[in-house]
Protein backbone atom coordinates (compact mmCIF):
# COMPACT_ATOMS: atom_id res chain seq x y z
CA GLN A 1 106.07 131.28 116.66
CA LYS A 2 103.94 130.28 119.68
CA GLU A 3 102.12 127.73 117.48
CA LEU A 4 105.39 126.28 116.25
CA ALA A 5 106.64 125.96 119.72
CA ARG A 6 103.37 124.32 120.74
CA ARG A 7 103.58 121.77 117.94
CA GLY A 8 107.30 121.01 118.63
CA VAL A 9 110.34 121.47 116.41
CA GLY A 10 110.06 118.14 114.61
CA ALA A 11 106.25 118.43 113.99
CA ALA A 12 106.67 122.09 112.75
CA ALA A 13 109.45 121.03 110.36
CA GLY A 14 107.25 118.20 109.04
CA GLU A 15 104.37 120.57 108.35
CA VAL A 16 106.67 123.02 106.52
CA GLU A 17 108.00 120.29 104.32
CA TYR A 18 104.39 119.11 103.59
CA LEU A 19 103.20 122.62 102.77
CA GLU A 20 106.13 123.11 100.39
CA GLY A 21 104.88 120.01 98.53
CA LEU A 22 101.60 121.66 97.73
CA ASP A 23 100.93 123.08 94.28
CA ALA A 24 99.64 126.58 93.53
CA GLY A 25 96.04 125.32 93.66
CA GLY A 26 96.51 123.91 97.22
CA GLU A 27 96.30 120.27 96.15
CA ALA A 28 98.97 117.68 97.11
CA GLU A 29 101.32 116.65 94.28
CA ASP A 30 100.67 112.95 94.56
CA ALA A 31 97.55 112.05 96.60
CA THR A 32 95.21 113.70 99.05
CA PRO A 33 96.30 113.83 102.70
CA LEU A 34 93.12 111.85 103.56
CA ALA A 35 94.29 109.00 101.32
CA TRP A 36 97.76 108.90 102.98
CA ARG A 37 96.18 109.03 106.42
CA GLY A 38 94.17 105.99 105.36
CA ALA A 39 97.49 104.31 104.30
CA MET A 40 99.03 105.03 107.65
CA LEU A 41 95.95 103.62 109.38
CA PHE A 42 96.34 100.39 107.37
CA VAL A 43 100.03 100.25 108.42
CA THR A 44 98.94 100.78 112.05
CA VAL A 45 96.35 98.01 111.96
CA ALA A 46 98.62 95.63 110.15
CA TRP A 47 101.40 96.15 112.70
CA ALA A 48 99.01 95.70 115.48
CA THR A 49 98.24 92.19 114.27
CA ASN A 50 101.85 91.21 114.80
CA PHE A 51 101.59 91.06 118.62
CA ALA A 52 98.95 88.40 118.83
CA LEU A 53 100.06 86.52 115.73
CA THR A 54 103.68 86.28 116.92
CA ALA A 55 102.53 84.94 120.28
CA PHE A 56 100.20 82.44 118.55
CA ALA A 57 102.99 81.30 116.10
CA CYS A 58 105.58 80.93 118.86
CA GLU A 59 103.15 78.78 120.97
CA ASP A 60 102.18 76.66 117.97
CA LEU A 61 105.68 76.14 116.65
CA GLY A 62 106.96 75.34 120.19
CA ALA A 63 104.37 72.62 120.59
CA ALA A 64 104.63 71.10 117.15
CA ALA A 65 108.48 71.18 116.74
CA GLY A 66 109.36 70.69 120.46
CA LEU A 67 110.96 74.14 120.80
CA ASP A 68 111.12 76.21 123.91
CA GLY A 69 109.59 79.76 123.88
CA SER A 70 112.71 81.74 123.11
CA THR A 71 113.87 79.42 120.41
CA ALA A 72 110.45 79.41 118.69
CA ALA A 73 110.49 83.21 118.79
CA LEU A 74 113.91 83.31 117.11
CA VAL A 75 112.88 80.85 114.49
CA PHE A 76 109.66 82.63 113.68
CA VAL A 77 111.33 86.08 113.46
CA ALA A 78 114.04 84.59 111.13
CA LEU A 79 111.45 83.01 108.95
CA ARG A 80 109.26 86.13 108.83
CA PHE A 81 112.10 88.34 107.70
CA CYS A 82 113.44 85.66 105.31
CA VAL A 83 110.03 85.84 103.59
CA ALA A 84 110.09 89.69 103.62
CA SER A 85 113.67 89.82 102.32
CA ALA A 86 112.97 87.38 99.50
CA SER A 87 110.04 89.51 98.36
CA THR A 88 111.97 92.80 98.24
CA ALA A 89 115.62 91.74 97.48
CA PRO A 90 115.31 92.29 93.72
CA PHE A 91 114.84 96.06 94.38
CA LEU A 92 118.36 96.28 95.74
CA ALA A 93 120.01 95.85 92.38
CA ASP A 94 120.30 99.53 91.63
CA ALA A 95 120.48 100.92 95.13
CA SER A 96 123.24 103.44 95.80
CA PRO A 97 125.74 103.08 98.70
CA GLY A 98 123.99 105.94 100.55
CA VAL A 99 120.57 104.22 100.33
CA LEU A 100 122.09 100.95 101.51
CA ALA A 101 123.81 102.61 104.51
CA SER A 102 120.61 104.51 105.53
CA GLY A 103 118.47 101.41 105.15
CA ALA A 104 120.91 99.28 107.13
CA LYS A 105 120.88 101.78 110.04
CA ILE A 106 117.07 101.74 110.09
CA GLY A 107 117.00 98.02 109.83
CA GLY A 108 119.37 97.59 112.76
CA LEU A 109 117.25 99.81 114.99
CA CYS A 110 114.06 97.98 113.94
CA ALA A 111 115.72 94.62 114.53
CA PHE A 112 116.31 95.60 118.22
CA GLY A 113 112.67 96.52 118.61
CA TYR A 114 111.43 93.35 116.90
CA PHE A 115 113.64 91.14 119.01
CA ALA A 116 112.53 92.81 122.20
CA GLN A 117 108.92 92.32 121.15
CA ALA A 118 109.31 88.59 120.20
CA ALA A 119 111.24 87.83 123.30
CA ALA A 120 108.82 89.53 125.68
CA LEU A 121 105.88 87.65 124.01
CA SER A 122 107.72 84.35 124.18
CA LEU A 123 108.10 84.80 127.97
CA GLY A 124 104.38 85.15 128.41
CA PHE A 125 104.00 88.92 128.49
CA PRO A 126 100.34 89.81 127.48
CA ALA A 127 100.12 90.88 123.85
CA ALA A 128 97.81 93.83 124.68
CA ASN A 129 100.28 95.13 127.27
CA ALA A 130 103.20 94.80 124.93
CA ALA A 131 101.32 96.84 122.35
CA PHE A 132 100.56 99.58 124.84
CA ILE A 133 104.20 99.81 125.88
CA CYS A 134 105.23 99.92 122.22
CA SER A 135 103.21 103.13 121.80
CA LEU A 136 105.84 104.92 123.98
CA GLN A 137 107.85 105.10 120.76
CA ALA A 138 106.11 108.43 120.00
CA VAL A 139 107.54 109.86 123.31
CA VAL A 140 111.02 108.58 122.32
CA VAL A 141 110.63 110.43 119.03
CA ALA A 142 109.60 113.63 120.81
CA LEU A 143 112.45 113.50 123.28
CA LEU A 144 115.14 112.96 120.66
CA ALA A 145 113.75 115.24 117.95
CA ARG A 146 116.15 117.94 116.77
CA GLY A 147 115.97 121.24 118.64
CA GLY A 148 114.93 122.00 122.23
CA VAL A 149 112.38 119.96 124.02
CA ALA A 150 109.23 121.85 125.09
CA ARG A 151 108.02 121.63 128.73
CA ARG A 152 104.79 120.03 127.41
CA THR A 153 106.92 117.13 126.20
CA TRP A 154 108.06 116.53 129.81
CA LEU A 155 104.45 116.55 130.86
CA GLY A 156 103.73 114.02 128.09
CA VAL A 157 106.51 111.84 129.37
CA ALA A 158 105.01 111.92 132.93
CA LEU A 159 101.59 110.94 131.51
CA ALA A 160 103.10 108.12 129.51
CA VAL A 161 105.02 106.67 132.51
CA SER A 162 101.82 106.91 134.56
CA GLY A 163 99.99 105.03 131.79
CA VAL A 164 102.59 102.23 131.83
CA ALA A 165 102.24 102.03 135.64
CA CYS A 166 98.39 101.76 135.34
CA LEU A 167 98.88 99.10 132.68
CA GLU A 168 101.17 96.96 134.66
CA LEU A 169 99.35 97.32 138.03
CA GLY A 170 95.86 96.97 136.61
CA GLY A 171 96.38 94.76 133.56
CA PRO A 172 96.47 90.97 133.26
CA ALA A 173 98.50 89.44 136.05
CA VAL A 174 101.82 87.83 135.15
CA THR A 175 102.94 85.94 138.20
CA ASP A 176 105.76 83.82 136.92
CA ALA A 177 109.35 84.63 137.81
CA ALA A 178 110.21 85.78 134.27
CA SER A 179 107.69 88.65 134.29
CA PRO A 180 110.16 91.38 135.28
CA VAL A 181 112.53 90.31 132.54
CA ALA A 182 109.66 90.23 130.03
CA PHE A 183 108.60 93.74 131.06
CA LEU A 184 112.13 95.07 130.60
CA LEU A 185 112.36 93.38 127.16
CA ALA A 186 109.05 94.96 126.17
CA LEU A 187 110.54 98.41 126.94
CA GLY A 188 113.05 97.80 124.25
CA GLN A 189 110.32 98.18 121.62
CA PRO A 190 109.79 101.93 121.96
CA VAL A 191 113.53 102.56 122.00
CA GLY A 192 114.30 100.55 118.85
CA PHE A 193 111.23 101.63 116.85
CA GLY A 194 111.38 105.28 117.98
CA LEU A 195 115.01 105.63 116.92
CA SER A 196 114.21 103.97 113.63
CA TYR A 197 111.50 106.54 112.88
CA LEU A 198 113.95 109.33 113.39
CA ALA A 199 116.42 107.61 111.11
CA LEU A 200 113.66 106.98 108.51
CA GLU A 201 112.67 110.67 108.55
CA ASP A 202 116.24 111.62 107.61
CA ALA A 203 116.48 108.86 105.06
CA VAL A 204 113.36 109.76 103.04
CA GLU A 205 114.49 113.40 103.06
CA GLU A 206 117.92 112.39 101.63
CA HIS A 207 116.56 109.66 99.33
CA PRO A 208 112.98 110.60 98.40
CA ASP A 209 112.82 108.29 95.38
CA ASP A 210 114.27 105.20 96.95
CA ALA A 211 111.57 104.02 99.36
CA VAL A 212 111.45 100.49 97.95
CA ALA A 213 115.21 100.08 98.23
CA LEU A 214 115.22 101.44 101.78
CA SER A 215 112.53 98.94 102.72
CA ALA A 216 114.35 96.09 101.09
CA ILE A 217 117.64 96.66 102.85
CA GLN A 218 115.86 96.96 106.20
CA CYS A 219 114.26 93.58 105.69
CA VAL A 220 117.66 92.01 104.69
CA VAL A 221 119.44 93.51 107.69
CA ILE A 222 116.75 92.32 110.15
CA PHE A 223 116.82 88.86 108.61
CA GLY A 224 120.60 88.75 108.95
CA GLY A 225 120.31 89.79 112.62
CA ALA A 226 117.63 87.16 113.29
CA ALA A 227 119.67 84.41 111.60
CA ALA A 228 122.81 85.51 113.54
CA ALA A 229 120.91 85.59 116.82
CA LEU A 230 119.45 82.13 116.21
CA GLY A 231 122.88 80.74 115.32
CA ALA A 232 124.63 82.37 118.30
CA ALA A 233 121.93 81.11 120.75
CA LEU A 234 121.86 77.50 119.47
CA GLY A 235 124.90 76.98 117.37
CA ALA A 236 124.68 76.67 113.52
CA PRO A 237 123.92 72.89 113.35
CA ASP A 238 121.14 73.10 116.00
CA ALA A 239 119.76 76.27 114.42
CA VAL A 240 119.42 74.62 110.97
CA ALA A 241 117.86 71.51 112.61
CA ASP A 242 115.29 73.66 114.47
CA VAL A 243 114.35 75.69 111.41
CA SER A 244 113.93 72.45 109.41
CA SER A 245 111.82 71.01 112.17
CA ALA A 246 109.64 74.10 112.34
CA LEU A 247 109.15 74.06 108.56
CA SER A 248 108.32 70.36 108.46
CA THR A 249 105.85 70.51 111.29
CA MET A 250 104.31 73.92 110.56
CA SER A 251 100.55 73.94 110.53
CA PRO A 252 98.52 75.68 107.75
CA ALA A 253 97.49 78.26 110.30
CA VAL A 254 101.10 79.14 111.13
CA ALA A 255 102.03 79.10 107.52
CA ALA A 256 99.26 81.66 106.73
CA THR A 257 100.51 83.67 109.74
CA LEU A 258 104.02 83.60 108.40
CA ALA A 259 102.80 84.75 105.00
CA TRP A 260 100.80 87.67 106.48
CA CYS A 261 103.62 88.78 108.80
CA GLY A 262 106.36 88.45 106.19
CA LEU A 263 104.63 89.84 103.14
CA VAL A 264 101.98 92.27 104.36
CA SER A 265 102.72 93.48 107.84
CA THR A 266 106.51 93.69 107.17
CA SER A 267 107.68 94.24 103.70
CA PHE A 268 104.67 95.99 102.27
CA THR A 269 103.94 98.17 105.31
CA ILE A 270 107.63 99.15 105.67
CA TRP A 271 107.44 100.53 102.15
CA LEU A 272 104.07 102.14 102.62
CA GLN A 273 105.26 103.85 105.85
CA ALA A 274 108.27 105.41 104.00
CA GLU A 275 105.97 106.66 101.28
CA ALA A 276 103.51 108.16 103.80
CA PHE A 277 106.24 109.80 105.82
CA LYS A 278 107.17 111.82 102.69
CA ARG A 279 103.65 113.11 102.25
CA LEU A 280 102.20 113.61 105.69
CA PRO A 281 103.14 116.01 108.53
CA VAL A 282 104.98 114.14 111.31
CA ILE A 283 102.14 115.09 113.73
CA ASP A 284 99.54 113.31 111.68
CA SER A 285 101.63 110.13 111.27
CA SER A 286 102.45 110.05 114.98
CA LEU A 287 98.87 110.47 116.04
CA ILE A 288 97.64 107.67 113.78
CA LEU A 289 100.43 105.35 114.96
CA THR A 290 99.43 105.83 118.67
CA SER A 291 96.24 103.94 117.93
CA GLU A 292 98.15 100.74 117.35
CA PRO A 293 97.68 99.39 120.91
CA LEU A 294 93.87 99.72 120.58
CA TRP A 295 93.91 97.55 117.41
CA ALA A 296 96.35 95.08 118.99
CA ALA A 297 94.18 94.69 122.03
CA LEU A 298 91.21 93.84 119.89
CA VAL A 299 93.25 91.28 117.91
CA ALA A 300 94.68 89.83 121.09
CA ALA A 301 91.18 89.54 122.56
CA GLY A 302 89.89 87.79 119.52
CA LEU A 303 92.76 85.41 118.88
CA LEU A 304 94.26 84.86 122.33
CA GLY A 305 91.33 85.48 124.64
CA ASP A 306 93.10 88.35 126.42
CA THR A 307 90.74 90.30 128.67
CA PHE A 308 90.46 94.01 129.45
CA SER A 309 90.52 95.66 132.79
CA ARG A 310 89.99 99.25 134.00
CA GLY A 311 93.76 99.48 134.37
CA ASP A 312 94.24 98.68 130.70
CA VAL A 313 91.73 101.31 129.62
CA ALA A 314 93.22 103.98 131.95
CA GLY A 315 96.80 103.12 130.94
CA GLY A 316 96.01 103.21 127.25
CA LEU A 317 94.14 106.55 127.59
CA LEU A 318 97.10 108.13 129.55
CA ILE A 319 99.55 107.01 126.97
CA LEU A 320 97.46 108.33 124.05
CA GLY A 321 96.94 111.50 126.13
CA ALA A 322 100.69 111.87 126.41
CA CYS A 323 101.13 111.77 122.70
CA ALA A 324 98.27 114.30 122.23
CA VAL A 325 99.79 116.72 124.80
CA ASN A 326 103.19 116.50 123.15
CA ASP A 327 101.72 117.11 119.71
CA GLY A 328 99.92 120.24 120.81
CA LEU A 329 96.42 118.81 120.47
CA VAL A 330 95.53 119.73 124.05
CA PRO A 331 95.36 123.41 125.00
CA LEU A 332 97.77 124.21 127.86
CA PRO A 333 99.11 127.31 129.62
CA ASP A 334 101.60 129.28 127.43
CA PHE A 335 104.56 128.63 129.73
CA LEU A 336 104.40 124.94 128.89
CA ASP A 337 105.16 125.77 125.30
CA GLU A 338 108.47 127.34 126.07
CA PRO A 339 111.38 125.09 125.02
CA GLU A 340 114.03 123.84 127.35
CA LEU A 341 117.66 124.10 126.42
CA ALA A 342 118.63 121.80 123.54
C-alpha cells in the first residue's frame, strides 16, 4: 500500500493494467516492454523536432509569402494537420460514434496545446524554452489524475515552478514587448497536452482496438480548428489567398518540413502513442516524455542557433526532477507519500 501511494493512484492503476496483460510465462502479449519504451522514445524525439521546425517554417513562410508571424503560424498549422488528416481519414470509415466522440475530445485538447505552441514561437519565444515549459504537462497529469493527490506531488509542482523561473530568468533574453504574452501562450501547452493525455488514457481503455481511428479523428478535429482559426482571424477570402500564396512560394526545405511534421511527427506518432499507452505503465511513458525538452533543445541549437545557459540547465533539471519526485523515483520521507483529500 505504501508503494502504491508512493507511485500515485494513476501510475499504480497503469501498472496493474499492464501486469494483467502479462501471460502465465511473464511475457507481454504483444511486444516486450523494452520495444514499447523505444517506441515512446521515438515519439518523444519526433515531437521535440516540432518546436524548431515550426519556428523555422513560420519564419521562412513569412518572408517568402509576405505573412506576419501569427498568420504564418496559423497557415503552417493548418497545412500540417491537413496533411495529417489526409493520411489518416480513410481509417474513419468504420469508426463507431463512441470512438469519434473520444477522438474529437482528445483532438480539441491537443488543438489548444498546438495553437499555444505555434503562437508562442511565432512571437519569438525561444524554441528550447517552449519545450521545457511543455514538459509541465506531466505535472498537469499528476494533479488531475483520479484519486487523491500525494504530498510528493505538491513538492513536484514546487520544483517544476522553480524550474520555469530558472528557465525564464536565466535563459535566452526576450526583450520585446510581446515576450510576456508569448510566455503566457507557451503555458497553454502543458494544459492542453496534459488534459489530452488523461482523455487518451480513458479512450484506449474504452476502445483498445481503435487506435488508428482515434488518431485519425484527432487529426481531423485539429485541422478543422486550425482552418476555423485562420478563417476567423483573416476572413475566408484572405485566408484562402494566404494559403495559396504560402503553397506557391513554399521552398523545398519548408515542403520537407511540412511532410515530416504532418506525416511523421503528427499522424504516425499520435497512433504510436496510443498503442504504447495500452502496453506500458503510465509511469514509464511519463518519464520518457519528460526527456522531450532535452531533444528539442538539441534540435533548436542545431537548426536555429539557440544557445544554452546555466539557467537553462538548472531549469530543465528541476522540471525533470519534479516529474521524478512525483513518479516515486526519488526516495522521500514516508509522510510525503500520504495522499491529500481528493
